[in-house]
Amino acid sequence: MTGHSCTSTRLSGGINGTYMNDEAGPLSAERAFFTALLESNVEALDRVLADDFMLIDVMSGSEIAKAALLEVIRSGQLRFETIEPLDSLVRFYQTTAVVTGSTLMRGRFGATPFTAHSRSLLAYYAMISLIGAPKSISSRF
């Protein structure tokens, strides 16, 4: 792409941090997202997800808005038992980071258990001087 700068780093495992100029910020935000899902912590999810967050369900291809995701988590209809990030690749585009990776998840939707080994894509933006930490704007599981 002409006029766009991009850098990338392949990672496995975790790094602590909150800045968008290295892989620590997006991976910290990704961990916060996964931890909030595992703990069914709607308040934490609300903080880490942008208002226009959109999740794409890989099983059905349907789009799930932030409000709908928070509601199924709040109601207990969707519960994650494990979320294991297997690898991550972080790419930077000025104030945006894109994290692609492989994730193993287990949980329940209603009474139905599920196991999914999926590729994930999480996009983050940050305006460090205004919000201080990255927010996820989209996710694909």
N, C-alpha and C. Protein backbone atom coordinates (compact mmCIF):
# COMPACT_ATOMS: atom_id res chain seq x y z
N MET A 1 0.83 -1.18 0.00
CA MET A 1 0.00 0.00 0.00
C MET A 1 0.88 1.24 0.00
N THR A 2 0.65 2.10 -0.90
CA THR A 2 1.40 3.34 -0.98
C THR A 2 0.91 4.32 0.07
N GLY A 3 1.86 4.96 0.76
CA GLY A 3 1.49 5.97 1.73
C GLY A 3 1.17 5.44 3.11
N HIS A 4 1.23 4.14 3.32
CA HIS A 4 0.94 3.56 4.63
C HIS A 4 2.19 2.88 5.16
N SER A 5 2.52 3.15 6.41
CA SER A 5 3.66 2.47 6.99
C SER A 5 3.18 1.34 7.87
N CYS A 6 3.88 0.23 7.82
CA CYS A 6 3.49 -0.94 8.60
C CYS A 6 4.75 -1.62 9.11
N THR A 7 4.72 -2.03 10.36
CA THR A 7 5.76 -2.89 10.90
C THR A 7 5.08 -4.09 11.51
N SER A 8 5.78 -5.20 11.63
CA SER A 8 5.15 -6.37 12.24
C SER A 8 6.15 -7.12 13.09
N THR A 9 5.62 -7.84 14.08
CA THR A 9 6.43 -8.64 14.99
C THR A 9 5.66 -9.91 15.29
N ARG A 10 6.28 -11.08 15.15
CA ARG A 10 5.62 -12.33 15.51
C ARG A 10 5.98 -12.64 16.95
N LEU A 11 4.95 -13.01 17.73
CA LEU A 11 5.14 -13.23 19.16
C LEU A 11 4.44 -14.50 19.60
N SER A 12 4.93 -15.12 20.62
CA SER A 12 4.17 -16.13 21.34
C SER A 12 4.44 -15.88 22.81
N GLY A 13 3.42 -16.02 23.62
CA GLY A 13 3.54 -15.66 25.02
C GLY A 13 3.15 -14.21 25.22
N GLY A 14 3.31 -13.70 26.43
CA GLY A 14 2.81 -12.38 26.75
C GLY A 14 3.88 -11.38 27.09
N ILE A 15 3.52 -10.11 26.89
CA ILE A 15 4.38 -8.98 27.24
C ILE A 15 3.48 -7.96 27.91
N ASN A 16 3.93 -7.33 29.00
CA ASN A 16 3.14 -6.32 29.68
C ASN A 16 3.42 -4.95 29.08
N GLY A 17 2.40 -4.07 29.10
CA GLY A 17 2.59 -2.71 28.63
C GLY A 17 1.30 -2.10 28.15
N THR A 18 1.35 -0.80 27.85
CA THR A 18 0.13 -0.13 27.41
C THR A 18 0.36 0.83 26.25
N TYR A 19 1.48 0.77 25.56
CA TYR A 19 1.77 1.72 24.50
C TYR A 19 1.53 1.10 23.13
N MET A 20 1.10 1.93 22.18
CA MET A 20 0.83 1.44 20.84
C MET A 20 2.05 1.45 19.94
N ASN A 21 3.18 1.98 20.39
CA ASN A 21 4.35 2.02 19.53
C ASN A 21 5.20 0.76 19.64
N ASP A 22 4.78 -0.22 20.41
CA ASP A 22 5.42 -1.53 20.42
C ASP A 22 4.33 -2.57 20.63
N GLU A 23 4.71 -3.84 20.55
CA GLU A 23 3.70 -4.91 20.62
C GLU A 23 3.08 -5.07 22.00
N ALA A 24 3.66 -4.47 23.03
CA ALA A 24 3.16 -4.65 24.39
C ALA A 24 1.73 -4.13 24.56
N GLY A 25 1.42 -2.96 24.03
CA GLY A 25 0.09 -2.37 24.19
C GLY A 25 -1.02 -3.23 23.62
N PRO A 26 -0.94 -3.60 22.33
CA PRO A 26 -1.99 -4.44 21.76
C PRO A 26 -2.11 -5.80 22.43
N LEU A 27 -0.98 -6.40 22.80
CA LEU A 27 -1.05 -7.71 23.45
C LEU A 27 -1.61 -7.60 24.86
N SER A 28 -1.32 -6.51 25.54
CA SER A 28 -1.91 -6.27 26.86
C SER A 28 -3.42 -6.11 26.73
N ALA A 29 -3.86 -5.36 25.73
CA ALA A 29 -5.29 -5.18 25.49
C ALA A 29 -5.95 -6.51 25.10
N GLU A 30 -5.25 -7.31 24.29
CA GLU A 30 -5.79 -8.61 23.90
C GLU A 30 -5.96 -9.50 25.14
N ARG A 31 -4.96 -9.51 26.02
CA ARG A 31 -5.07 -10.30 27.26
C ARG A 31 -6.22 -9.80 28.13
N ALA A 32 -6.38 -8.47 28.22
CA ALA A 32 -7.48 -7.91 29.01
C ALA A 32 -8.82 -8.35 28.44
N PHE A 33 -8.94 -8.39 27.11
CA PHE A 33 -10.16 -8.84 26.44
C PHE A 33 -10.43 -10.30 26.77
N PHE A 34 -9.43 -11.16 26.59
CA PHE A 34 -9.61 -12.58 26.87
C PHE A 34 -9.91 -12.84 28.34
N THR A 35 -9.23 -12.15 29.25
CA THR A 35 -9.47 -12.30 30.69
C THR A 35 -10.89 -11.90 31.04
N ALA A 36 -11.35 -10.78 30.48
CA ALA A 36 -12.72 -10.33 30.75
C ALA A 36 -13.74 -11.34 30.23
N LEU A 37 -13.48 -11.95 29.06
CA LEU A 37 -14.38 -12.99 28.55
C LEU A 37 -14.40 -14.19 29.49
N LEU A 38 -13.23 -14.64 29.94
CA LEU A 38 -13.15 -15.79 30.84
C LEU A 38 -13.85 -15.54 32.17
N GLU A 39 -13.75 -14.31 32.67
CA GLU A 39 -14.36 -13.95 33.96
C GLU A 39 -15.80 -13.46 33.82
N SER A 40 -16.31 -13.43 32.59
CA SER A 40 -17.65 -12.88 32.32
C SER A 40 -17.78 -11.48 32.94
N ASN A 41 -16.73 -10.69 32.81
CA ASN A 41 -16.66 -9.36 33.40
C ASN A 41 -17.12 -8.31 32.39
N VAL A 42 -18.40 -8.01 32.43
CA VAL A 42 -19.02 -7.09 31.47
C VAL A 42 -18.43 -5.68 31.61
N GLU A 43 -18.15 -5.25 32.83
CA GLU A 43 -17.59 -3.91 33.03
C GLU A 43 -16.21 -3.80 32.38
N ALA A 44 -15.38 -4.81 32.54
CA ALA A 44 -14.05 -4.80 31.92
C ALA A 44 -14.16 -4.84 30.40
N LEU A 45 -15.09 -5.65 29.89
CA LEU A 45 -15.30 -5.70 28.44
C LEU A 45 -15.75 -4.34 27.92
N ASP A 46 -16.62 -3.69 28.64
CA ASP A 46 -17.10 -2.38 28.23
C ASP A 46 -15.96 -1.37 28.16
N ARG A 47 -14.99 -1.49 29.07
CA ARG A 47 -13.84 -0.58 29.07
C ARG A 47 -12.89 -0.85 27.91
N VAL A 48 -12.62 -2.12 27.60
CA VAL A 48 -11.61 -2.46 26.61
C VAL A 48 -12.14 -2.44 25.17
N LEU A 49 -13.45 -2.52 24.99
CA LEU A 49 -14.03 -2.55 23.65
C LEU A 49 -14.54 -1.17 23.25
N ALA A 50 -14.23 -0.75 22.04
CA ALA A 50 -14.75 0.51 21.52
C ALA A 50 -16.27 0.41 21.37
N ASP A 51 -16.94 1.55 21.41
CA ASP A 51 -18.41 1.56 21.31
C ASP A 51 -18.90 0.91 20.02
N ASP A 52 -18.14 1.04 18.93
CA ASP A 52 -18.57 0.44 17.66
C ASP A 52 -17.89 -0.91 17.38
N PHE A 53 -17.41 -1.57 18.46
CA PHE A 53 -16.79 -2.89 18.36
C PHE A 53 -17.73 -3.85 17.63
N MET A 54 -17.14 -4.70 16.78
CA MET A 54 -17.90 -5.70 16.04
C MET A 54 -17.15 -7.02 16.08
N LEU A 55 -17.82 -8.09 16.48
CA LEU A 55 -17.24 -9.42 16.50
C LEU A 55 -17.85 -10.19 15.33
N ILE A 56 -17.03 -10.91 14.58
CA ILE A 56 -17.51 -11.76 13.49
C ILE A 56 -17.41 -13.20 13.95
N ASP A 57 -18.54 -13.88 14.02
CA ASP A 57 -18.61 -15.27 14.44
C ASP A 57 -18.14 -16.16 13.29
N VAL A 58 -17.03 -16.89 13.49
CA VAL A 58 -16.50 -17.71 12.40
C VAL A 58 -17.39 -18.91 12.09
N MET A 59 -18.21 -19.34 13.03
CA MET A 59 -19.09 -20.48 12.76
C MET A 59 -20.21 -20.10 11.80
N SER A 60 -20.82 -18.93 12.03
CA SER A 60 -21.97 -18.52 11.22
C SER A 60 -21.67 -17.36 10.27
N GLY A 61 -20.58 -16.63 10.52
CA GLY A 61 -20.27 -15.46 9.71
C GLY A 61 -21.07 -14.23 10.10
N SER A 62 -21.86 -14.34 11.15
CA SER A 62 -22.71 -13.22 11.56
C SER A 62 -21.90 -12.17 12.32
N GLU A 63 -22.39 -10.93 12.25
CA GLU A 63 -21.78 -9.83 12.98
C GLU A 63 -22.47 -9.69 14.33
N ILE A 64 -21.67 -9.50 15.37
CA ILE A 64 -22.20 -9.34 16.73
C ILE A 64 -21.69 -8.02 17.27
N ALA A 65 -22.60 -7.10 17.51
CA ALA A 65 -22.24 -5.78 18.03
C ALA A 65 -21.85 -5.88 19.50
N LYS A 66 -21.15 -4.87 19.98
CA LYS A 66 -20.70 -4.83 21.37
C LYS A 66 -21.86 -5.05 22.34
N ALA A 67 -22.98 -4.35 22.15
CA ALA A 67 -24.11 -4.46 23.07
C ALA A 67 -24.64 -5.89 23.13
N ALA A 68 -24.70 -6.56 21.98
CA ALA A 68 -25.20 -7.94 21.95
C ALA A 68 -24.22 -8.89 22.64
N LEU A 69 -22.91 -8.69 22.43
CA LEU A 69 -21.92 -9.52 23.11
C LEU A 69 -22.01 -9.33 24.61
N LEU A 70 -22.08 -8.08 25.05
CA LEU A 70 -22.17 -7.81 26.49
C LEU A 70 -23.42 -8.45 27.09
N GLU A 71 -24.53 -8.43 26.37
CA GLU A 71 -25.78 -8.99 26.89
C GLU A 71 -25.70 -10.52 27.06
N VAL A 72 -25.13 -11.24 26.06
CA VAL A 72 -25.04 -12.70 26.22
C VAL A 72 -24.05 -13.09 27.31
N ILE A 73 -23.02 -12.26 27.52
CA ILE A 73 -22.08 -12.49 28.63
C ILE A 73 -22.78 -12.21 29.96
N ARG A 74 -23.46 -11.05 30.05
CA ARG A 74 -24.15 -10.65 31.29
C ARG A 74 -25.20 -11.68 31.69
N SER A 75 -25.95 -12.20 30.73
CA SER A 75 -27.02 -13.14 31.03
C SER A 75 -26.51 -14.53 31.39
N GLY A 76 -25.24 -14.80 31.09
CA GLY A 76 -24.69 -16.13 31.34
C GLY A 76 -24.95 -17.10 30.21
N GLN A 77 -25.59 -16.63 29.14
CA GLN A 77 -25.87 -17.51 28.00
C GLN A 77 -24.57 -17.96 27.34
N LEU A 78 -23.57 -17.08 27.29
CA LEU A 78 -22.26 -17.41 26.73
C LEU A 78 -21.23 -17.40 27.84
N ARG A 79 -20.54 -18.53 28.01
CA ARG A 79 -19.49 -18.64 29.01
C ARG A 79 -18.26 -19.27 28.37
N PHE A 80 -17.11 -18.64 28.60
CA PHE A 80 -15.84 -19.19 28.15
C PHE A 80 -15.19 -19.89 29.31
N GLU A 81 -14.74 -21.14 29.10
CA GLU A 81 -14.04 -21.90 30.13
C GLU A 81 -12.53 -21.77 29.96
N THR A 82 -12.05 -21.77 28.73
CA THR A 82 -10.64 -21.55 28.43
C THR A 82 -10.52 -20.74 27.14
N ILE A 83 -9.54 -19.86 27.13
CA ILE A 83 -9.14 -19.17 25.90
C ILE A 83 -7.62 -19.21 25.91
N GLU A 84 -7.07 -19.95 24.99
CA GLU A 84 -5.62 -20.11 24.94
C GLU A 84 -5.07 -19.53 23.64
N PRO A 85 -4.49 -18.32 23.72
CA PRO A 85 -3.83 -17.77 22.52
C PRO A 85 -2.60 -18.62 22.20
N LEU A 86 -2.51 -19.09 20.97
CA LEU A 86 -1.40 -19.97 20.59
C LEU A 86 -0.24 -19.20 19.97
N ASP A 87 -0.53 -18.15 19.22
CA ASP A 87 0.50 -17.29 18.65
C ASP A 87 -0.15 -15.98 18.23
N SER A 88 0.69 -14.96 18.06
CA SER A 88 0.19 -13.64 17.67
C SER A 88 1.19 -12.96 16.74
N LEU A 89 0.66 -12.22 15.79
CA LEU A 89 1.46 -11.37 14.92
C LEU A 89 0.89 -9.97 15.03
N VAL A 90 1.71 -9.00 15.45
CA VAL A 90 1.26 -7.63 15.64
C VAL A 90 1.79 -6.78 14.49
N ARG A 91 0.88 -6.02 13.86
CA ARG A 91 1.26 -5.07 12.81
C ARG A 91 0.79 -3.69 13.22
N PHE A 92 1.61 -2.68 12.91
CA PHE A 92 1.29 -1.31 13.29
C PHE A 92 1.06 -0.44 12.06
N TYR A 93 0.01 0.36 12.11
CA TYR A 93 -0.32 1.33 11.08
C TYR A 93 -0.59 2.65 11.80
N GLN A 94 0.43 3.45 12.02
CA GLN A 94 0.35 4.71 12.74
C GLN A 94 -0.30 4.50 14.10
N THR A 95 -1.55 4.93 14.35
CA THR A 95 -2.17 4.78 15.67
C THR A 95 -3.06 3.54 15.77
N THR A 96 -2.92 2.63 14.82
CA THR A 96 -3.72 1.41 14.81
C THR A 96 -2.80 0.20 14.83
N ALA A 97 -3.18 -0.81 15.58
CA ALA A 97 -2.46 -2.08 15.59
C ALA A 97 -3.44 -3.19 15.23
N VAL A 98 -2.98 -4.13 14.43
CA VAL A 98 -3.77 -5.30 14.06
C VAL A 98 -3.04 -6.52 14.59
N VAL A 99 -3.75 -7.33 15.36
CA VAL A 99 -3.18 -8.55 15.94
C VAL A 99 -3.90 -9.74 15.30
N THR A 100 -3.14 -10.58 14.62
CA THR A 100 -3.69 -11.83 14.10
C THR A 100 -3.08 -12.96 14.89
N GLY A 101 -3.82 -14.02 15.04
CA GLY A 101 -3.29 -15.14 15.81
C GLY A 101 -4.17 -16.36 15.72
N SER A 102 -3.75 -17.35 16.45
CA SER A 102 -4.46 -18.62 16.54
C SER A 102 -4.88 -18.80 17.99
N THR A 103 -6.13 -19.19 18.21
CA THR A 103 -6.68 -19.29 19.56
C THR A 103 -7.45 -20.59 19.72
N LEU A 104 -7.29 -21.23 20.86
CA LEU A 104 -8.09 -22.41 21.22
C LEU A 104 -9.04 -21.99 22.33
N MET A 105 -10.35 -22.16 22.10
CA MET A 105 -11.37 -21.75 23.07
C MET A 105 -12.30 -22.91 23.38
N ARG A 106 -12.72 -22.95 24.65
CA ARG A 106 -13.75 -23.89 25.10
C ARG A 106 -14.73 -23.13 25.95
N GLY A 107 -16.00 -23.53 25.84
CA GLY A 107 -17.01 -22.86 26.64
C GLY A 107 -18.38 -23.46 26.41
N ARG A 108 -19.40 -22.66 26.73
CA ARG A 108 -20.80 -23.09 26.57
C ARG A 108 -21.62 -21.94 26.03
N PHE A 109 -22.51 -22.26 25.12
CA PHE A 109 -23.52 -21.31 24.68
C PHE A 109 -24.84 -21.94 25.09
N GLY A 110 -25.47 -21.37 26.11
CA GLY A 110 -26.61 -22.03 26.73
C GLY A 110 -26.12 -23.31 27.39
N ALA A 111 -26.77 -24.42 27.09
CA ALA A 111 -26.36 -25.70 27.65
C ALA A 111 -25.42 -26.46 26.71
N THR A 112 -25.12 -25.88 25.56
CA THR A 112 -24.33 -26.57 24.55
C THR A 112 -22.84 -26.23 24.67
N PRO A 113 -22.01 -27.25 24.93
CA PRO A 113 -20.57 -26.98 25.00
C PRO A 113 -19.99 -26.75 23.60
N PHE A 114 -18.93 -25.97 23.53
CA PHE A 114 -18.24 -25.78 22.25
C PHE A 114 -16.74 -25.79 22.47
N THR A 115 -16.04 -26.20 21.44
CA THR A 115 -14.59 -26.11 21.36
C THR A 115 -14.28 -25.54 19.99
N ALA A 116 -13.42 -24.54 19.95
CA ALA A 116 -13.08 -23.93 18.67
C ALA A 116 -11.59 -23.64 18.61
N HIS A 117 -10.96 -24.09 17.56
CA HIS A 117 -9.58 -23.70 17.26
C HIS A 117 -9.70 -22.76 16.08
N SER A 118 -9.46 -21.49 16.33
CA SER A 118 -9.73 -20.52 15.28
C SER A 118 -8.57 -19.58 15.07
N ARG A 119 -8.61 -18.92 13.95
CA ARG A 119 -7.72 -17.80 13.68
C ARG A 119 -8.45 -16.57 14.20
N SER A 120 -7.72 -15.67 14.81
CA SER A 120 -8.35 -14.45 15.31
C SER A 120 -7.69 -13.23 14.70
N LEU A 121 -8.48 -12.18 14.59
CA LEU A 121 -7.99 -10.89 14.13
C LEU A 121 -8.59 -9.84 15.06
N LEU A 122 -7.73 -9.08 15.72
CA LEU A 122 -8.18 -8.01 16.60
C LEU A 122 -7.53 -6.73 16.13
N ALA A 123 -8.32 -5.68 15.98
CA ALA A 123 -7.79 -4.38 15.57
C ALA A 123 -7.92 -3.42 16.75
N TYR A 124 -6.88 -2.65 17.00
CA TYR A 124 -6.86 -1.72 18.13
C TYR A 124 -6.49 -0.33 17.64
N TYR A 125 -7.06 0.67 18.25
CA TYR A 125 -6.62 2.03 18.00
C TYR A 125 -6.29 2.67 19.33
N ALA A 126 -5.46 3.69 19.30
CA ALA A 126 -5.13 4.39 20.54
C ALA A 126 -4.90 5.85 20.26
N MET A 127 -5.41 6.65 21.13
CA MET A 127 -5.10 8.06 21.17
C MET A 127 -4.51 8.25 22.56
N ILE A 128 -3.25 7.89 22.70
CA ILE A 128 -2.61 7.77 24.01
C ILE A 128 -2.83 9.00 24.87
N SER A 129 -2.74 10.18 24.30
CA SER A 129 -2.88 11.38 25.13
C SER A 129 -4.31 11.55 25.66
N LEU A 130 -5.29 10.91 25.00
CA LEU A 130 -6.68 11.07 25.44
C LEU A 130 -7.17 9.90 26.29
N ILE A 131 -6.85 8.67 25.89
CA ILE A 131 -7.42 7.52 26.60
C ILE A 131 -6.39 6.69 27.34
N GLY A 132 -5.14 6.79 26.96
CA GLY A 132 -4.08 6.11 27.69
C GLY A 132 -3.88 4.64 27.41
N ALA A 133 -4.84 3.97 26.79
CA ALA A 133 -4.70 2.54 26.53
C ALA A 133 -5.44 2.18 25.25
N PRO A 134 -4.98 1.13 24.55
CA PRO A 134 -5.65 0.72 23.32
C PRO A 134 -7.05 0.19 23.59
N LYS A 135 -7.93 0.36 22.62
CA LYS A 135 -9.29 -0.22 22.67
C LYS A 135 -9.46 -1.09 21.44
N SER A 136 -10.11 -2.23 21.61
CA SER A 136 -10.38 -3.12 20.48
C SER A 136 -11.55 -2.56 19.69
N ILE A 137 -11.38 -2.49 18.36
CA ILE A 137 -12.46 -2.01 17.52
C ILE A 137 -13.14 -3.13 16.75
N SER A 138 -12.46 -4.27 16.59
CA SER A 138 -13.11 -5.40 15.94
C SER A 138 -12.41 -6.68 16.32
N SER A 139 -13.13 -7.76 16.15
CA SER A 139 -12.58 -9.07 16.48
C SER A 139 -13.21 -10.11 15.58
N ARG A 140 -12.45 -11.11 15.22
CA ARG A 140 -12.98 -12.24 14.47
C ARG A 140 -12.49 -13.48 15.17
N PHE A 141 -13.43 -14.32 15.61
CA PHE A 141 -13.07 -15.61 16.23
C PHE A 141 -13.54 -16.72 15.34
